[in-house]
Structures are given as C-alpha cells and as structure tokens.
C-alpha cells in the first residue's frame, strides 16, 4: 500500500484539520489571556499551556510533512 495515496479526508491529521485545531488553540489561548487581564488568576498560565500545545502540534505537523517527503523520495527512487 502506498501510504501517500491515502485519501485526504481519511488521513488522521490533514491540512484542513490541522489548521482548524491550530486556530482553535490560538483562539482559546488568547481568550484566557484576556481573562487574565480581567482578573482570572490562572488565565496567563492557561494561555501559556495552550500555546505550548500549539507549538507541540506544529512540531507534529512538521514531522508528518518530513515523513511524507521521505516516503515520496523512497517511492521515487524505486521507479
């Protein structure tokens, strides 16, 4: 099975889903940052933790892209 031929919609983390999750994390983080300034005592910490998840997801996305490039190169070299 050529892993690069998995339909876009069926891939566990496709570009559309990645962008949606990243936007949601960023929005939630900014919301907690705003709540911090309104007196929510843990708002800044929640903002920070959500942005850490955001950075981790970005690293996961880069690994997915690198793996796809390696698979494509491997398949191309076998032709």
N, C-alpha and C. Protein backbone atom coordinates (compact mmCIF):
# COMPACT_ATOMS: atom_id res chain seq x y z
N UNK A 1 0.85 -1.20 0.00
CA UNK A 1 0.00 0.00 0.00
C UNK A 1 0.88 1.24 0.00
N UNK A 2 0.58 2.15 -0.89
CA UNK A 2 1.30 3.41 -0.95
C UNK A 2 0.64 4.37 0.06
N UNK A 3 1.34 4.63 1.13
CA UNK A 3 0.79 5.49 2.18
C UNK A 3 0.50 6.90 1.70
N UNK A 4 1.15 7.31 0.63
CA UNK A 4 0.91 8.65 0.10
C UNK A 4 -0.40 8.73 -0.68
N UNK A 5 -1.04 7.60 -0.88
CA UNK A 5 -2.31 7.59 -1.63
C UNK A 5 -3.53 7.51 -0.73
N UNK A 6 -3.33 7.65 0.58
CA UNK A 6 -4.48 7.69 1.49
C UNK A 6 -5.31 8.92 1.13
N UNK A 7 -6.60 8.77 0.93
CA UNK A 7 -7.43 9.95 0.60
C UNK A 7 -7.28 11.04 1.66
N UNK A 8 -7.24 12.25 1.20
CA UNK A 8 -7.05 13.43 2.06
C UNK A 8 -7.98 13.41 3.27
N UNK A 9 -9.25 13.10 3.02
CA UNK A 9 -10.26 13.12 4.08
C UNK A 9 -10.03 12.05 5.14
N UNK A 10 -9.34 10.98 4.77
CA UNK A 10 -9.14 9.86 5.68
C UNK A 10 -7.82 9.94 6.45
N UNK A 11 -6.94 10.84 6.06
CA UNK A 11 -5.65 10.94 6.75
C UNK A 11 -5.91 11.47 8.16
N UNK A 12 -5.27 10.87 9.18
CA UNK A 12 -5.57 11.23 10.57
C UNK A 12 -5.43 12.72 10.90
N UNK A 13 -4.46 13.37 10.29
CA UNK A 13 -4.31 14.82 10.51
C UNK A 13 -3.97 15.46 9.18
N UNK A 14 -5.00 15.89 8.48
CA UNK A 14 -4.78 16.55 7.19
C UNK A 14 -4.67 18.07 7.40
N UNK A 15 -4.35 18.77 6.34
CA UNK A 15 -4.10 20.21 6.43
C UNK A 15 -5.31 20.98 6.96
N UNK A 16 -6.50 20.62 6.52
CA UNK A 16 -7.72 21.30 6.97
C UNK A 16 -7.91 21.12 8.47
N UNK A 17 -7.77 19.89 8.93
CA UNK A 17 -7.95 19.60 10.35
C UNK A 17 -6.86 20.27 11.19
N UNK A 18 -5.62 20.22 10.70
CA UNK A 18 -4.51 20.87 11.39
C UNK A 18 -4.78 22.37 11.57
N UNK A 19 -5.17 23.03 10.49
CA UNK A 19 -5.44 24.48 10.57
C UNK A 19 -6.58 24.78 11.54
N UNK A 20 -7.62 23.97 11.52
CA UNK A 20 -8.75 24.17 12.42
C UNK A 20 -8.31 24.05 13.88
N UNK A 21 -7.57 22.99 14.20
CA UNK A 21 -7.12 22.79 15.57
C UNK A 21 -6.18 23.91 16.00
N UNK A 22 -5.27 24.31 15.13
CA UNK A 22 -4.33 25.39 15.47
C UNK A 22 -5.09 26.69 15.74
N UNK A 23 -6.05 27.00 14.91
CA UNK A 23 -6.85 28.22 15.11
C UNK A 23 -7.62 28.17 16.42
N UNK A 24 -8.21 27.02 16.72
CA UNK A 24 -8.96 26.88 17.97
C UNK A 24 -8.06 27.02 19.20
N UNK A 25 -6.89 26.40 19.14
CA UNK A 25 -5.96 26.52 20.27
C UNK A 25 -5.53 27.97 20.48
N UNK A 26 -5.20 28.64 19.39
CA UNK A 26 -4.76 30.04 19.47
C UNK A 26 -5.88 30.92 20.02
N UNK A 27 -7.08 30.69 19.54
CA UNK A 27 -8.22 31.48 19.99
C UNK A 27 -8.49 31.27 21.48
N UNK A 28 -8.47 30.01 21.91
CA UNK A 28 -8.69 29.72 23.33
C UNK A 28 -7.59 30.34 24.19
N UNK A 29 -6.35 30.22 23.74
CA UNK A 29 -5.24 30.80 24.49
C UNK A 29 -5.41 32.30 24.64
N UNK A 30 -5.76 32.98 23.57
CA UNK A 30 -5.94 34.43 23.63
C UNK A 30 -7.13 34.80 24.51
N UNK A 31 -8.14 33.97 24.49
CA UNK A 31 -9.29 34.21 25.37
C UNK A 31 -8.90 34.15 26.84
N UNK A 32 -8.08 33.18 27.20
CA UNK A 32 -7.63 33.09 28.59
C UNK A 32 -6.67 34.21 28.94
N UNK A 33 -5.88 34.65 27.96
CA UNK A 33 -5.01 35.79 28.22
C UNK A 33 -5.85 37.03 28.54
N UNK A 34 -6.92 37.23 27.78
CA UNK A 34 -7.81 38.36 28.05
C UNK A 34 -8.48 38.23 29.41
N UNK A 35 -8.89 37.02 29.76
CA UNK A 35 -9.49 36.80 31.07
C UNK A 35 -8.50 37.10 32.20
N UNK A 36 -7.24 36.82 31.95
CA UNK A 36 -6.20 37.13 32.94
C UNK A 36 -6.23 38.63 33.27
N UNK A 37 -6.34 39.44 32.23
CA UNK A 37 -6.33 40.90 32.44
C UNK A 37 -7.62 41.39 33.08
N UNK A 38 -8.66 40.52 33.06
CA UNK A 38 -9.92 40.87 33.70
C UNK A 38 -10.02 40.30 35.12
N UNK A 39 -8.94 39.65 35.57
CA UNK A 39 -8.90 39.16 36.93
C UNK A 39 -8.92 37.66 37.12
N UNK A 40 -8.99 36.88 36.03
CA UNK A 40 -8.95 35.42 36.15
C UNK A 40 -7.52 35.05 36.52
N UNK A 41 -7.35 34.52 37.72
CA UNK A 41 -6.00 34.33 38.26
C UNK A 41 -5.13 33.35 37.46
N UNK A 42 -5.70 32.36 36.82
CA UNK A 42 -4.91 31.38 36.07
C UNK A 42 -4.94 31.61 34.56
N UNK A 43 -5.48 32.72 34.14
CA UNK A 43 -5.61 32.99 32.71
C UNK A 43 -4.30 32.97 31.97
N UNK A 44 -3.27 33.59 32.52
CA UNK A 44 -1.98 33.64 31.84
C UNK A 44 -1.35 32.26 31.76
N UNK A 45 -1.50 31.45 32.82
CA UNK A 45 -0.96 30.09 32.79
C UNK A 45 -1.67 29.23 31.75
N UNK A 46 -2.99 29.37 31.68
CA UNK A 46 -3.74 28.61 30.68
C UNK A 46 -3.36 29.03 29.27
N UNK A 47 -3.18 30.32 29.06
CA UNK A 47 -2.71 30.82 27.77
C UNK A 47 -1.37 30.17 27.42
N UNK A 48 -0.46 30.17 28.36
CA UNK A 48 0.86 29.60 28.14
C UNK A 48 0.80 28.11 27.83
N UNK A 49 0.00 27.38 28.56
CA UNK A 49 -0.12 25.94 28.34
C UNK A 49 -0.74 25.62 26.99
N UNK A 50 -1.75 26.37 26.62
CA UNK A 50 -2.38 26.16 25.31
C UNK A 50 -1.40 26.48 24.18
N UNK A 51 -0.60 27.52 24.35
CA UNK A 51 0.38 27.86 23.32
C UNK A 51 1.50 26.82 23.25
N UNK A 52 1.77 26.14 24.35
CA UNK A 52 2.74 25.03 24.33
C UNK A 52 2.16 23.89 23.51
N UNK A 53 0.89 23.60 23.69
CA UNK A 53 0.23 22.57 22.89
C UNK A 53 0.26 22.97 21.42
N UNK A 54 0.03 24.24 21.15
CA UNK A 54 0.08 24.79 19.79
C UNK A 54 1.45 24.53 19.18
N UNK A 55 2.51 24.80 19.93
CA UNK A 55 3.87 24.57 19.44
C UNK A 55 4.14 23.08 19.24
N UNK A 56 3.65 22.25 20.15
CA UNK A 56 3.83 20.80 20.01
C UNK A 56 3.11 20.28 18.77
N UNK A 57 1.90 20.77 18.52
CA UNK A 57 1.17 20.34 17.34
C UNK A 57 1.88 20.79 16.07
N UNK A 58 2.47 21.96 16.09
CA UNK A 58 3.24 22.43 14.95
C UNK A 58 4.43 21.50 14.69
N UNK A 59 5.09 21.05 15.75
CA UNK A 59 6.20 20.11 15.60
C UNK A 59 5.72 18.77 15.02
N UNK A 60 4.54 18.32 15.46
CA UNK A 60 3.95 17.09 14.92
C UNK A 60 3.69 17.27 13.43
N UNK A 61 3.14 18.41 13.05
CA UNK A 61 2.82 18.68 11.65
C UNK A 61 4.09 18.66 10.80
N UNK A 62 5.15 19.25 11.31
CA UNK A 62 6.42 19.24 10.57
C UNK A 62 6.95 17.83 10.40
N UNK A 63 6.79 16.99 11.43
CA UNK A 63 7.22 15.59 11.34
C UNK A 63 6.39 14.83 10.30
N UNK A 64 5.09 15.09 10.26
CA UNK A 64 4.24 14.47 9.24
C UNK A 64 4.72 14.86 7.85
N UNK A 65 4.99 16.15 7.65
CA UNK A 65 5.45 16.61 6.35
C UNK A 65 6.79 16.00 5.97
N UNK A 66 7.70 15.91 6.93
CA UNK A 66 9.01 15.32 6.66
C UNK A 66 8.87 13.84 6.31
N UNK A 67 8.01 13.14 7.03
CA UNK A 67 7.77 11.72 6.74
C UNK A 67 7.19 11.54 5.34
N UNK A 68 6.26 12.41 4.97
CA UNK A 68 5.69 12.35 3.61
C UNK A 68 6.78 12.58 2.56
N UNK A 69 7.67 13.54 2.81
CA UNK A 69 8.76 13.79 1.85
C UNK A 69 9.67 12.56 1.73
N UNK A 70 9.99 11.94 2.86
CA UNK A 70 10.85 10.76 2.84
C UNK A 70 10.18 9.60 2.10
N UNK A 71 8.89 9.40 2.35
CA UNK A 71 8.16 8.35 1.64
C UNK A 71 8.14 8.62 0.14
N UNK A 72 7.89 9.85 -0.24
CA UNK A 72 7.84 10.22 -1.66
C UNK A 72 9.21 9.99 -2.31
N UNK A 73 10.27 10.36 -1.62
CA UNK A 73 11.61 10.17 -2.16
C UNK A 73 11.92 8.68 -2.29
N UNK A 74 11.49 7.90 -1.30
CA UNK A 74 11.73 6.45 -1.34
C UNK A 74 11.00 5.81 -2.51
N UNK A 75 9.75 6.21 -2.71
CA UNK A 75 8.97 5.66 -3.82
C UNK A 75 9.56 6.09 -5.16
N UNK A 76 9.98 7.35 -5.24
CA UNK A 76 10.56 7.85 -6.49
C UNK A 76 11.86 7.13 -6.82
N UNK A 77 12.65 6.80 -5.82
CA UNK A 77 13.92 6.14 -6.08
C UNK A 77 13.75 4.69 -6.52
N UNK A 78 12.59 4.09 -6.22
CA UNK A 78 12.33 2.72 -6.61
C UNK A 78 11.80 2.60 -8.04
N UNK A 79 11.49 3.72 -8.64
CA UNK A 79 10.92 3.70 -10.01
C UNK A 79 11.99 3.66 -11.05
